[in-house]
């Protein structure tokens, strides 16, 4: 399946909504259409697995055939990436750069988002 960066971001935004350490999200074929109406169940499960493999999710577990995921929180890396791409203008800039340079892997998106934030900070201080 092709990686969809928007799907990754939407999953991280949803996981961030977990109110405290006593709660978690259960992503199942029954509730995924309600939570993520713009994606198929297969897309969500695939991208949750990619988030897990990238180290964005804390205490994630899944069924043997990966049709169910339970996630309790974001890791510091997950929070960092999400905070870098939270604003739509920044996110759109990250995706634009990724397409221009032909690098749309998750590791490239992480690096691009950090660089975009660095440039915005420099511009804020007039260092460009």
C-alpha atoms as a PDB file:
ATOM      1  CA  UNK A   1       0.000   0.000   0.000  1.00  0.00           C
ATOM      2  CA  UNK A   2       1.210   3.495  -0.763  1.00  0.00           C
ATOM      3  CA  UNK A   3       2.022   5.714   2.214  1.00  0.00           C
ATOM      4  CA  UNK A   4      -0.482   8.540   2.653  1.00  0.00           C
ATOM      5  CA  UNK A   5       1.075  11.319   4.771  1.00  0.00           C
ATOM      6  CA  UNK A   6      -2.322  12.921   5.415  1.00  0.00           C
ATOM      7  CA  UNK A   7      -3.549   9.653   6.899  1.00  0.00           C
ATOM      8  CA  UNK A   8      -0.525   9.503   9.217  1.00  0.00           C
ATOM      9  CA  UNK A   9      -1.186  13.042  10.424  1.00  0.00           C
ATOM     10  CA  UNK A  10      -4.908  12.361  10.926  1.00  0.00           C
ATOM     11  CA  UNK A  11      -4.142   9.266  13.017  1.00  0.00           C
ATOM     12  CA  UNK A  12      -1.693  11.199  15.202  1.00  0.00           C
ATOM     13  CA  UNK A  13      -4.235  13.980  15.691  1.00  0.00           C
ATOM     14  CA  UNK A  14      -6.840  11.421  16.776  1.00  0.00           C
ATOM     15  CA  UNK A  15      -4.490   9.594  19.166  1.00  0.00           C
ATOM     16  CA  UNK A  16      -3.560  12.932  20.712  1.00  0.00           C
ATOM     17  CA  UNK A  17      -7.205  13.321  21.785  1.00  0.00           C
ATOM     18  CA  UNK A  18      -6.816  10.525  24.358  1.00  0.00           C
ATOM     19  CA  UNK A  19      -7.597  12.379  27.595  1.00  0.00           C
ATOM     20  CA  UNK A  20      -5.322  10.630  30.088  1.00  0.00           C
ATOM     21  CA  UNK A  21      -3.202   7.568  30.854  1.00  0.00           C
ATOM     22  CA  UNK A  22      -6.285   5.565  31.823  1.00  0.00           C
ATOM     23  CA  UNK A  23      -7.802   5.692  28.340  1.00  0.00           C
ATOM     24  CA  UNK A  24      -6.880   4.446  24.885  1.00  0.00           C
ATOM     25  CA  UNK A  25      -8.245   4.246  21.357  1.00  0.00           C
ATOM     26  CA  UNK A  26      -9.433   0.938  19.988  1.00  0.00           C
ATOM     27  CA  UNK A  27      -9.376   1.069  16.205  1.00  0.00           C
ATOM     28  CA  UNK A  28     -11.599  -1.675  14.790  1.00  0.00           C
ATOM     29  CA  UNK A  29     -13.365  -2.304  11.489  1.00  0.00           C
ATOM     30  CA  UNK A  30     -16.573  -1.335  13.276  1.00  0.00           C
ATOM     31  CA  UNK A  31     -15.511   2.137  14.445  1.00  0.00           C
ATOM     32  CA  UNK A  32     -12.898   3.191  11.872  1.00  0.00           C
ATOM     33  CA  UNK A  33     -15.544   4.412   9.342  1.00  0.00           C
ATOM     34  CA  UNK A  34     -16.990   6.700  12.038  1.00  0.00           C
ATOM     35  CA  UNK A  35     -13.621   7.991  13.233  1.00  0.00           C
ATOM     36  CA  UNK A  36     -11.991   8.311   9.800  1.00  0.00           C
ATOM     37  CA  UNK A  37     -14.722   8.626   7.145  1.00  0.00           C
ATOM     38  CA  UNK A  38     -12.201   9.639   4.445  1.00  0.00           C
ATOM     39  CA  UNK A  39     -10.171   6.422   4.660  1.00  0.00           C
ATOM     40  CA  UNK A  40     -10.801   2.718   4.343  1.00  0.00           C
ATOM     41  CA  UNK A  41     -10.252   0.385   7.308  1.00  0.00           C
ATOM     42  CA  UNK A  42      -7.300  -1.144   5.493  1.00  0.00           C
ATOM     43  CA  UNK A  43      -5.691   2.277   5.018  1.00  0.00           C
ATOM     44  CA  UNK A  44      -6.075   3.166   8.692  1.00  0.00           C
ATOM     45  CA  UNK A  45      -4.731  -0.146   9.963  1.00  0.00           C
ATOM     46  CA  UNK A  46      -1.793   0.016   7.529  1.00  0.00           C
ATOM     47  CA  UNK A  47      -0.924   3.562   8.581  1.00  0.00           C
ATOM     48  CA  UNK A  48      -1.314   2.811  12.298  1.00  0.00           C
ATOM     49  CA  UNK A  49       1.192   0.018  11.759  1.00  0.00           C
ATOM     50  CA  UNK A  50       3.537   2.465   9.984  1.00  0.00           C
ATOM     51  CA  UNK A  51       3.198   4.888  12.914  1.00  0.00           C
ATOM     52  CA  UNK A  52       3.987   2.042  15.285  1.00  0.00           C
ATOM     53  CA  UNK A  53       7.032   0.935  13.285  1.00  0.00           C
ATOM     54  CA  UNK A  54       8.281   4.531  13.124  1.00  0.00           C
ATOM     55  CA  UNK A  55       8.050   4.846  16.901  1.00  0.00           C
ATOM     56  CA  UNK A  56       5.207   7.373  17.001  1.00  0.00           C
ATOM     57  CA  UNK A  57       2.825   5.298  19.143  1.00  0.00           C
ATOM     58  CA  UNK A  58       3.106   4.289  22.781  1.00  0.00           C
ATOM     59  CA  UNK A  59       1.637   1.042  24.074  1.00  0.00           C
ATOM     60  CA  UNK A  60       0.071  -0.014  20.824  1.00  0.00           C
ATOM     61  CA  UNK A  61      -1.132  -3.559  20.463  1.00  0.00           C
ATOM     62  CA  UNK A  62      -2.857  -5.404  17.686  1.00  0.00           C
ATOM     63  CA  UNK A  63      -4.626  -8.612  16.870  1.00  0.00           C
ATOM     64  CA  UNK A  64      -2.769 -11.450  15.171  1.00  0.00           C
ATOM     65  CA  UNK A  65      -4.067 -10.497  11.725  1.00  0.00           C
ATOM     66  CA  UNK A  66      -3.715  -6.719  12.300  1.00  0.00           C
ATOM     67  CA  UNK A  67      -7.436  -5.950  11.959  1.00  0.00           C
ATOM     68  CA  UNK A  68      -7.583  -4.376  15.420  1.00  0.00           C
ATOM     69  CA  UNK A  69      -5.276  -1.852  17.086  1.00  0.00           C
ATOM     70  CA  UNK A  70      -5.317  -0.411  20.566  1.00  0.00           C
ATOM     71  CA  UNK A  71      -3.221   2.713  21.144  1.00  0.00           C
ATOM     72  CA  UNK A  72      -2.721   4.524  24.437  1.00  0.00           C
ATOM     73  CA  UNK A  73      -0.645   7.572  23.508  1.00  0.00           C
ATOM     74  CA  UNK A  74       1.949   9.230  21.331  1.00  0.00           C
ATOM     75  CA  UNK A  75       5.656   8.855  22.033  1.00  0.00           C
ATOM     76  CA  UNK A  76       7.855  11.945  22.320  1.00  0.00           C
ATOM     77  CA  UNK A  77       8.758  11.415  18.637  1.00  0.00           C
ATOM     78  CA  UNK A  78       5.086  11.233  17.724  1.00  0.00           C
ATOM     79  CA  UNK A  79       4.357  14.441  19.632  1.00  0.00           C
ATOM     80  CA  UNK A  80       7.328  16.192  18.038  1.00  0.00           C
ATOM     81  CA  UNK A  81       6.335  15.283  14.492  1.00  0.00           C
ATOM     82  CA  UNK A  82       2.687  16.155  15.091  1.00  0.00           C
ATOM     83  CA  UNK A  83       3.562  19.486  16.671  1.00  0.00           C
ATOM     84  CA  UNK A  84       5.787  20.274  13.693  1.00  0.00           C
ATOM     85  CA  UNK A  85       2.976  19.612  11.203  1.00  0.00           C
ATOM     86  CA  UNK A  86      -0.089  20.617  13.219  1.00  0.00           C
ATOM     87  CA  UNK A  87      -0.734  23.875  11.386  1.00  0.00           C
ATOM     88  CA  UNK A  88      -2.197  23.379   7.915  1.00  0.00           C
ATOM     89  CA  UNK A  89       0.091  25.973   6.355  1.00  0.00           C
ATOM     90  CA  UNK A  90       3.175  24.206   7.683  1.00  0.00           C
ATOM     91  CA  UNK A  91       1.812  20.782   6.725  1.00  0.00           C
ATOM     92  CA  UNK A  92       1.045  21.914   3.189  1.00  0.00           C
ATOM     93  CA  UNK A  93       4.553  23.367   2.932  1.00  0.00           C
ATOM     94  CA  UNK A  94       6.086  20.096   4.123  1.00  0.00           C
ATOM     95  CA  UNK A  95       4.120  18.109   1.547  1.00  0.00           C
ATOM     96  CA  UNK A  96       5.043  20.586  -1.194  1.00  0.00           C
ATOM     97  CA  UNK A  97       8.757  20.304  -0.422  1.00  0.00           C
ATOM     98  CA  UNK A  98       8.498  16.510  -0.242  1.00  0.00           C
ATOM     99  CA  UNK A  99       6.919  16.334  -3.696  1.00  0.00           C
ATOM    100  CA  UNK A 100       9.444  18.790  -5.159  1.00  0.00           C
ATOM    101  CA  UNK A 101      12.421  16.795  -3.929  1.00  0.00           C
ATOM    102  CA  UNK A 102      10.762  13.454  -4.624  1.00  0.00           C
ATOM    103  CA  UNK A 103      11.096  12.204  -1.064  1.00  0.00           C
ATOM    104  CA  UNK A 104       7.797  11.271   0.546  1.00  0.00           C
ATOM    105  CA  UNK A 105       8.958   8.590   2.968  1.00  0.00           C
ATOM    106  CA  UNK A 106       8.048   9.052   6.588  1.00  0.00           C
ATOM    107  CA  UNK A 107      11.663   9.680   7.560  1.00  0.00           C
ATOM    108  CA  UNK A 108      11.916  12.347   4.826  1.00  0.00           C
ATOM    109  CA  UNK A 109       8.691  13.997   6.039  1.00  0.00           C
ATOM    110  CA  UNK A 110      10.082  14.079   9.582  1.00  0.00           C
ATOM    111  CA  UNK A 111      13.282  15.731   8.388  1.00  0.00           C
ATOM    112  CA  UNK A 112      11.477  18.180   6.109  1.00  0.00           C
ATOM    113  CA  UNK A 113       9.074  19.187   8.897  1.00  0.00           C
ATOM    114  CA  UNK A 114      11.997  19.889  11.236  1.00  0.00           C
ATOM    115  CA  UNK A 115      13.696  21.984   8.557  1.00  0.00           C
ATOM    116  CA  UNK A 116      10.521  23.924   7.772  1.00  0.00           C
ATOM    117  CA  UNK A 117      10.079  24.718  11.474  1.00  0.00           C
ATOM    118  CA  UNK A 118      13.739  25.767  11.730  1.00  0.00           C
ATOM    119  CA  UNK A 119      13.297  28.151   8.784  1.00  0.00           C
ATOM    120  CA  UNK A 120      10.106  29.612  10.286  1.00  0.00           C
ATOM    121  CA  UNK A 121      11.904  30.204  13.589  1.00  0.00           C
ATOM    122  CA  UNK A 122      14.819  31.890  11.805  1.00  0.00           C
ATOM    123  CA  UNK A 123      12.414  34.083   9.839  1.00  0.00           C
ATOM    124  CA  UNK A 124      10.653  35.059  13.071  1.00  0.00           C
ATOM    125  CA  UNK A 125      13.957  36.343  14.444  1.00  0.00           C
ATOM    126  CA  UNK A 126      15.023  37.929  11.167  1.00  0.00           C
ATOM    127  CA  UNK A 127      17.923  35.506  10.756  1.00  0.00           C
ATOM    128  CA  UNK A 128      17.262  34.638   7.112  1.00  0.00           C
END
